[in-house]
Amino acid sequence: MVFKVPEVRKVYTIEDLDRVQVDYDRSTDTLHIVFGEGNEEADEAILTENDVGYRIKGGRIIGITVYGLLRRLGMEV
């Protein structure tokens, strides 16, 4: 899957779609999505203006973090 990170002029791929881990941390209202085993070290980390973080390794997105998830959905934390 090819994915363009908003606000960044690069295109990345997402692999390991059959091994996706999703975790929500209520104490920080943060959603973590990990592609693959989850033990890879990122080469690059990008935080966009809309508080979404991307972890990149070798041109692949290995993780996405959404900060303030319930706030975005109009729900209380």
N, C-alpha and C. Protein backbone atom coordinates (compact mmCIF):
# COMPACT_ATOMS: atom_id res chain seq x y z
N MET A 1 0.85 -1.16 0.00
CA MET A 1 0.00 0.00 0.00
C MET A 1 0.90 1.23 0.00
N VAL A 2 0.59 2.21 -0.81
CA VAL A 2 1.34 3.46 -0.88
C VAL A 2 0.58 4.52 -0.10
N PHE A 3 1.30 5.33 0.66
CA PHE A 3 0.66 6.30 1.55
C PHE A 3 1.45 7.59 1.52
N LYS A 4 0.77 8.71 1.31
CA LYS A 4 1.41 10.02 1.35
C LYS A 4 1.12 10.65 2.70
N VAL A 5 2.17 10.99 3.42
CA VAL A 5 2.00 11.64 4.72
C VAL A 5 1.64 13.09 4.48
N PRO A 6 0.51 13.56 5.07
CA PRO A 6 0.14 14.96 4.90
C PRO A 6 1.27 15.86 5.41
N GLU A 7 1.43 16.98 4.77
CA GLU A 7 2.41 18.00 5.14
C GLU A 7 3.85 17.60 4.84
N VAL A 8 4.08 16.41 4.29
CA VAL A 8 5.42 15.96 3.95
C VAL A 8 5.41 15.63 2.47
N ARG A 9 6.42 16.02 1.77
CA ARG A 9 6.44 15.81 0.32
C ARG A 9 7.10 14.49 -0.07
N LYS A 10 6.80 13.46 0.67
CA LYS A 10 7.33 12.14 0.38
C LYS A 10 6.18 11.14 0.35
N VAL A 11 6.40 10.05 -0.35
CA VAL A 11 5.43 8.96 -0.39
C VAL A 11 6.10 7.75 0.25
N TYR A 12 5.39 7.10 1.15
CA TYR A 12 5.89 5.94 1.86
C TYR A 12 5.01 4.74 1.57
N THR A 13 5.50 3.57 1.88
CA THR A 13 4.69 2.35 1.74
C THR A 13 4.32 1.84 3.12
N ILE A 14 3.23 1.10 3.17
CA ILE A 14 2.84 0.38 4.37
C ILE A 14 2.81 -1.09 4.00
N GLU A 15 3.59 -1.88 4.72
CA GLU A 15 3.64 -3.32 4.48
C GLU A 15 3.13 -4.04 5.72
N ASP A 16 3.11 -5.33 5.67
CA ASP A 16 2.68 -6.15 6.81
C ASP A 16 1.26 -5.83 7.25
N LEU A 17 0.37 -5.59 6.29
CA LEU A 17 -1.01 -5.29 6.64
C LEU A 17 -1.73 -6.48 7.28
N ASP A 18 -1.16 -7.66 7.14
CA ASP A 18 -1.75 -8.82 7.79
C ASP A 18 -1.29 -8.95 9.25
N ARG A 19 -0.35 -8.10 9.66
CA ARG A 19 0.13 -8.10 11.05
C ARG A 19 0.06 -6.68 11.61
N VAL A 20 -1.15 -6.22 11.85
CA VAL A 20 -1.37 -4.87 12.39
C VAL A 20 -1.75 -4.99 13.86
N GLN A 21 -1.08 -4.21 14.68
CA GLN A 21 -1.40 -4.16 16.11
C GLN A 21 -1.97 -2.78 16.41
N VAL A 22 -3.09 -2.75 17.13
CA VAL A 22 -3.74 -1.49 17.49
C VAL A 22 -3.90 -1.45 19.00
N ASP A 23 -3.49 -0.32 19.58
CA ASP A 23 -3.57 -0.17 21.03
C ASP A 23 -4.03 1.25 21.35
N TYR A 24 -4.99 1.36 22.25
CA TYR A 24 -5.46 2.67 22.69
C TYR A 24 -5.06 2.87 24.14
N ASP A 25 -4.42 4.01 24.44
CA ASP A 25 -4.03 4.36 25.80
C ASP A 25 -4.96 5.46 26.29
N ARG A 26 -5.91 5.09 27.13
CA ARG A 26 -6.91 6.04 27.61
C ARG A 26 -6.29 7.15 28.46
N SER A 27 -5.24 6.83 29.22
CA SER A 27 -4.64 7.84 30.09
C SER A 27 -4.03 9.00 29.31
N THR A 28 -3.58 8.74 28.08
CA THR A 28 -3.02 9.81 27.25
C THR A 28 -3.88 10.11 26.02
N ASP A 29 -5.02 9.41 25.90
CA ASP A 29 -5.92 9.57 24.75
C ASP A 29 -5.16 9.42 23.44
N THR A 30 -4.39 8.33 23.35
CA THR A 30 -3.51 8.11 22.21
C THR A 30 -3.78 6.74 21.58
N LEU A 31 -3.93 6.73 20.25
CA LEU A 31 -4.10 5.50 19.50
C LEU A 31 -2.78 5.17 18.82
N HIS A 32 -2.29 3.94 19.02
CA HIS A 32 -1.04 3.48 18.40
C HIS A 32 -1.38 2.38 17.41
N ILE A 33 -0.89 2.51 16.19
CA ILE A 33 -1.06 1.48 15.16
C ILE A 33 0.34 1.07 14.72
N VAL A 34 0.63 -0.23 14.81
CA VAL A 34 1.95 -0.75 14.45
C VAL A 34 1.78 -1.76 13.33
N PHE A 35 2.62 -1.65 12.31
CA PHE A 35 2.60 -2.57 11.17
C PHE A 35 3.81 -3.50 11.31
N GLY A 36 3.56 -4.81 11.37
CA GLY A 36 4.63 -5.77 11.52
C GLY A 36 4.76 -6.24 12.95
N GLU A 37 5.97 -6.59 13.32
CA GLU A 37 6.24 -7.16 14.64
C GLU A 37 6.21 -6.12 15.76
N GLY A 38 6.45 -4.87 15.44
CA GLY A 38 6.43 -3.83 16.46
C GLY A 38 7.74 -3.63 17.19
N ASN A 39 8.78 -4.35 16.80
CA ASN A 39 10.06 -4.22 17.48
C ASN A 39 11.12 -3.52 16.63
N GLU A 40 10.72 -2.92 15.52
CA GLU A 40 11.67 -2.24 14.64
C GLU A 40 11.95 -0.83 15.15
N GLU A 41 13.21 -0.44 15.06
CA GLU A 41 13.60 0.93 15.39
C GLU A 41 13.35 1.82 14.17
N ALA A 42 12.78 2.98 14.38
CA ALA A 42 12.50 3.90 13.29
C ALA A 42 13.76 4.66 12.88
N ASP A 43 13.90 4.91 11.57
CA ASP A 43 14.97 5.77 11.05
C ASP A 43 14.57 7.23 11.17
N GLU A 44 13.26 7.45 11.12
CA GLU A 44 12.73 8.81 11.03
C GLU A 44 11.39 8.86 11.75
N ALA A 45 11.10 9.97 12.38
CA ALA A 45 9.80 10.18 13.01
C ALA A 45 9.27 11.53 12.55
N ILE A 46 8.00 11.55 12.19
CA ILE A 46 7.37 12.77 11.69
C ILE A 46 6.15 13.04 12.56
N LEU A 47 6.02 14.26 13.04
CA LEU A 47 4.83 14.70 13.75
C LEU A 47 4.20 15.81 12.94
N THR A 48 2.97 15.58 12.47
CA THR A 48 2.30 16.58 11.63
C THR A 48 1.62 17.64 12.50
N GLU A 49 1.21 18.70 11.86
CA GLU A 49 0.54 19.80 12.57
C GLU A 49 -0.76 19.36 13.23
N ASN A 50 -1.37 18.31 12.72
CA ASN A 50 -2.64 17.84 13.30
C ASN A 50 -2.42 16.73 14.32
N ASP A 51 -1.21 16.67 14.90
CA ASP A 51 -0.88 15.74 15.98
C ASP A 51 -1.04 14.27 15.62
N VAL A 52 -0.54 13.91 14.45
CA VAL A 52 -0.44 12.52 14.05
C VAL A 52 1.05 12.24 13.83
N GLY A 53 1.55 11.20 14.49
CA GLY A 53 2.95 10.85 14.36
C GLY A 53 3.13 9.63 13.48
N TYR A 54 4.18 9.66 12.68
CA TYR A 54 4.51 8.54 11.79
C TYR A 54 5.93 8.09 12.10
N ARG A 55 6.12 6.78 12.25
CA ARG A 55 7.45 6.20 12.42
C ARG A 55 7.82 5.52 11.11
N ILE A 56 9.00 5.88 10.58
CA ILE A 56 9.43 5.45 9.26
C ILE A 56 10.72 4.64 9.38
N LYS A 57 10.80 3.57 8.60
CA LYS A 57 12.05 2.81 8.49
C LYS A 57 12.22 2.38 7.05
N GLY A 58 13.30 2.81 6.43
CA GLY A 58 13.60 2.41 5.05
C GLY A 58 12.50 2.73 4.07
N GLY A 59 11.84 3.88 4.23
CA GLY A 59 10.76 4.27 3.32
C GLY A 59 9.42 3.62 3.61
N ARG A 60 9.34 2.83 4.69
CA ARG A 60 8.09 2.17 5.07
C ARG A 60 7.56 2.80 6.35
N ILE A 61 6.27 2.97 6.42
CA ILE A 61 5.64 3.41 7.67
C ILE A 61 5.51 2.17 8.55
N ILE A 62 6.15 2.21 9.73
CA ILE A 62 6.08 1.07 10.63
C ILE A 62 5.16 1.35 11.82
N GLY A 63 4.73 2.61 11.95
CA GLY A 63 3.81 2.94 13.03
C GLY A 63 3.16 4.29 12.84
N ILE A 64 1.94 4.40 13.31
CA ILE A 64 1.18 5.66 13.28
C ILE A 64 0.63 5.88 14.68
N THR A 65 0.78 7.08 15.20
CA THR A 65 0.24 7.44 16.50
C THR A 65 -0.70 8.62 16.31
N VAL A 66 -1.92 8.47 16.80
CA VAL A 66 -2.92 9.54 16.73
C VAL A 66 -3.11 10.08 18.15
N TYR A 67 -2.70 11.33 18.36
CA TYR A 67 -2.83 11.96 19.66
C TYR A 67 -4.19 12.63 19.77
N GLY A 68 -4.82 12.55 20.94
CA GLY A 68 -6.12 13.19 21.16
C GLY A 68 -7.25 12.54 20.39
N LEU A 69 -7.27 11.22 20.37
CA LEU A 69 -8.27 10.50 19.56
C LEU A 69 -9.71 10.81 19.96
N LEU A 70 -10.04 10.67 21.24
CA LEU A 70 -11.43 10.90 21.65
C LEU A 70 -11.82 12.37 21.47
N ARG A 71 -10.88 13.26 21.69
CA ARG A 71 -11.14 14.69 21.47
C ARG A 71 -11.52 14.93 20.01
N ARG A 72 -10.82 14.27 19.10
CA ARG A 72 -11.12 14.39 17.67
C ARG A 72 -12.52 13.88 17.33
N LEU A 73 -12.94 12.87 18.07
CA LEU A 73 -14.25 12.26 17.83
C LEU A 73 -15.37 12.97 18.60
N GLY A 74 -15.01 14.03 19.36
CA GLY A 74 -16.01 14.77 20.11
C GLY A 74 -16.48 14.04 21.35
N MET A 75 -15.64 13.14 21.85
CA MET A 75 -16.00 12.38 23.04
C MET A 75 -15.12 12.83 24.20
N GLU A 76 -15.56 12.54 25.42
CA GLU A 76 -14.79 12.91 26.60
C GLU A 76 -13.74 11.85 26.88
N VAL A 77 -12.64 12.30 27.44
CA VAL A 77 -11.56 11.39 27.81
C VAL A 77 -11.83 10.85 29.18
